[in-house]
Protein backbone atom coordinates (compact mmCIF):
# COMPACT_ATOMS: atom_id res chain seq x y z
CA MET A 1 25.55 77.26 51.46
CA LYS A 2 25.29 77.50 55.35
CA SER A 3 22.03 76.26 56.73
CA SER A 4 21.83 79.68 58.73
CA ASP A 5 22.34 81.57 55.73
CA LEU A 6 19.67 79.80 54.02
CA VAL A 7 17.19 80.60 56.77
CA ARG A 8 18.01 84.18 56.99
CA MET A 9 17.35 84.88 53.23
CA ALA A 10 14.27 82.61 53.31
CA ASN A 11 12.67 84.54 56.64
CA GLN A 12 13.38 87.79 54.63
CA ILE A 13 11.69 86.64 51.96
CA ALA A 14 8.81 85.43 54.04
CA ALA A 15 8.92 88.70 55.89
CA TYR A 16 8.41 90.78 52.61
CA PHE A 17 5.41 88.82 51.52
CA GLY A 18 3.79 88.21 54.75
CA THR A 19 2.00 91.52 54.27
CA TYR A 20 0.27 89.89 50.92
CA PRO A 21 -2.92 88.13 51.54
CA LYS A 22 -2.11 84.45 52.12
CA GLN A 23 -2.24 82.89 49.13
CA GLU A 24 -0.53 85.40 47.09
CA ALA A 25 2.21 85.50 49.73
CA LEU A 26 2.73 81.52 49.53
CA ASP A 27 2.66 81.90 45.60
CA GLY A 28 5.13 84.82 45.76
CA ILE A 29 7.53 83.03 48.15
CA ALA A 30 7.56 79.88 45.76
CA MET A 31 7.92 81.93 42.71
CA HIS A 32 11.09 83.91 44.34
CA ILE A 33 13.09 80.86 45.39
CA HIS A 34 12.05 79.29 41.81
CA ASN A 35 13.26 82.32 39.88
CA PHE A 36 16.16 84.04 41.64
CA TRP A 37 17.85 80.95 43.60
CA GLU A 38 19.77 78.95 41.63
CA PRO A 39 19.20 75.16 41.63
CA ARG A 40 22.15 74.19 44.10
CA MET A 41 20.74 76.69 46.65
CA ARG A 42 17.26 74.97 45.87
CA ASP A 43 18.88 71.82 46.52
CA ASP A 44 20.47 72.65 49.72
CA LEU A 45 17.22 74.33 50.67
CA LYS A 46 15.65 70.86 49.99
CA LYS A 47 18.15 68.96 51.73
CA TYR A 48 17.78 71.13 55.08
CA LEU A 49 13.85 70.83 54.92
CA ASP A 50 13.84 67.10 54.92
CA GLU A 51 16.16 67.35 57.72
CA GLY A 52 13.75 69.08 60.14
CA GLY A 53 14.01 72.77 58.53
CA ASP A 54 14.67 74.39 62.06
CA GLY A 55 14.49 78.34 61.92
CA PHE A 56 12.06 78.73 59.23
CA SER A 57 9.14 81.01 59.50
CA PRO A 58 5.75 79.10 59.30
CA LEU A 59 4.76 81.18 56.37
CA PHE A 60 8.12 79.94 54.42
CA LEU A 61 7.23 76.32 55.36
CA GLU A 62 4.08 76.27 54.10
CA ALA A 63 4.99 77.84 50.88
CA MET A 64 8.07 75.01 50.66
CA ALA A 65 5.66 72.47 51.19
CA SER A 66 3.36 73.14 48.25
CA TYR A 67 6.34 74.18 46.35
CA PHE A 68 8.15 70.89 46.70
CA LYS A 69 5.39 69.11 45.75
CA GLY A 70 5.13 70.33 42.31
CA PRO A 71 2.31 71.54 40.31
CA LYS A 72 -1.02 71.39 41.42
CA SER A 73 -2.58 69.72 38.08
CA PRO A 74 -0.37 67.93 35.78
CA LEU A 75 0.46 69.91 32.60
CA LYS A 76 -1.52 69.57 29.68
CA GLN A 77 0.40 69.64 26.47
CA ALA A 78 -1.62 71.34 23.58
CA ALA A 79 -1.81 69.06 20.68
CA VAL A 80 -2.22 70.76 17.11
CA GLN A 81 -4.57 68.86 14.78
CA ASN A 82 -3.49 69.14 10.86
CA GLN A 83 -6.64 67.49 9.28
CA HIS A 84 -4.95 68.41 5.82
CA LYS A 85 -1.43 66.82 6.56
CA VAL A 86 0.25 69.66 4.38
CA ALA A 87 2.15 72.37 5.57
CA PRO A 88 0.49 75.86 5.49
CA LYS A 89 1.34 77.70 2.24
CA GLY A 90 2.52 81.31 2.24
CA ALA A 91 5.08 81.59 5.16
CA ALA A 92 8.37 81.41 4.34
CA PRO A 93 11.21 80.77 7.33
CA SER A 94 12.54 83.77 8.65
CA VAL A 95 16.33 83.99 8.92
CA ALA A 96 18.00 86.53 11.08
CA SER A 97 21.32 87.77 10.57
CA GLY A 98 23.36 88.06 13.55
CA GLY A 99 22.97 87.18 17.10
CA GLY A 100 20.72 84.38 18.51
CA ASP A 101 20.67 80.81 17.34
CA ALA A 102 20.67 82.28 13.63
CA GLY A 103 24.49 82.17 13.33
């Protein structure tokens, strides 16, 4: 994708979120990029930012600085403690007919 298109779309997103409170705007921009831009577009965006990122709005640049650093805290995986070491009783596996992974 052309860098001019990335800059134009990114600045439109930043302009939309520009009226929000600052932290909400930063989060909204990052979430929009993550949820609606395909990985190839995000890769092009990261490459262009690494090359200097000329033309982006300051709000967008701030949002991307945080976005490309990753989560603020490490993700914690939930651990299930099964002290009895046996499967629960009374529950049968459900098998849906048609659609999904059921077949």
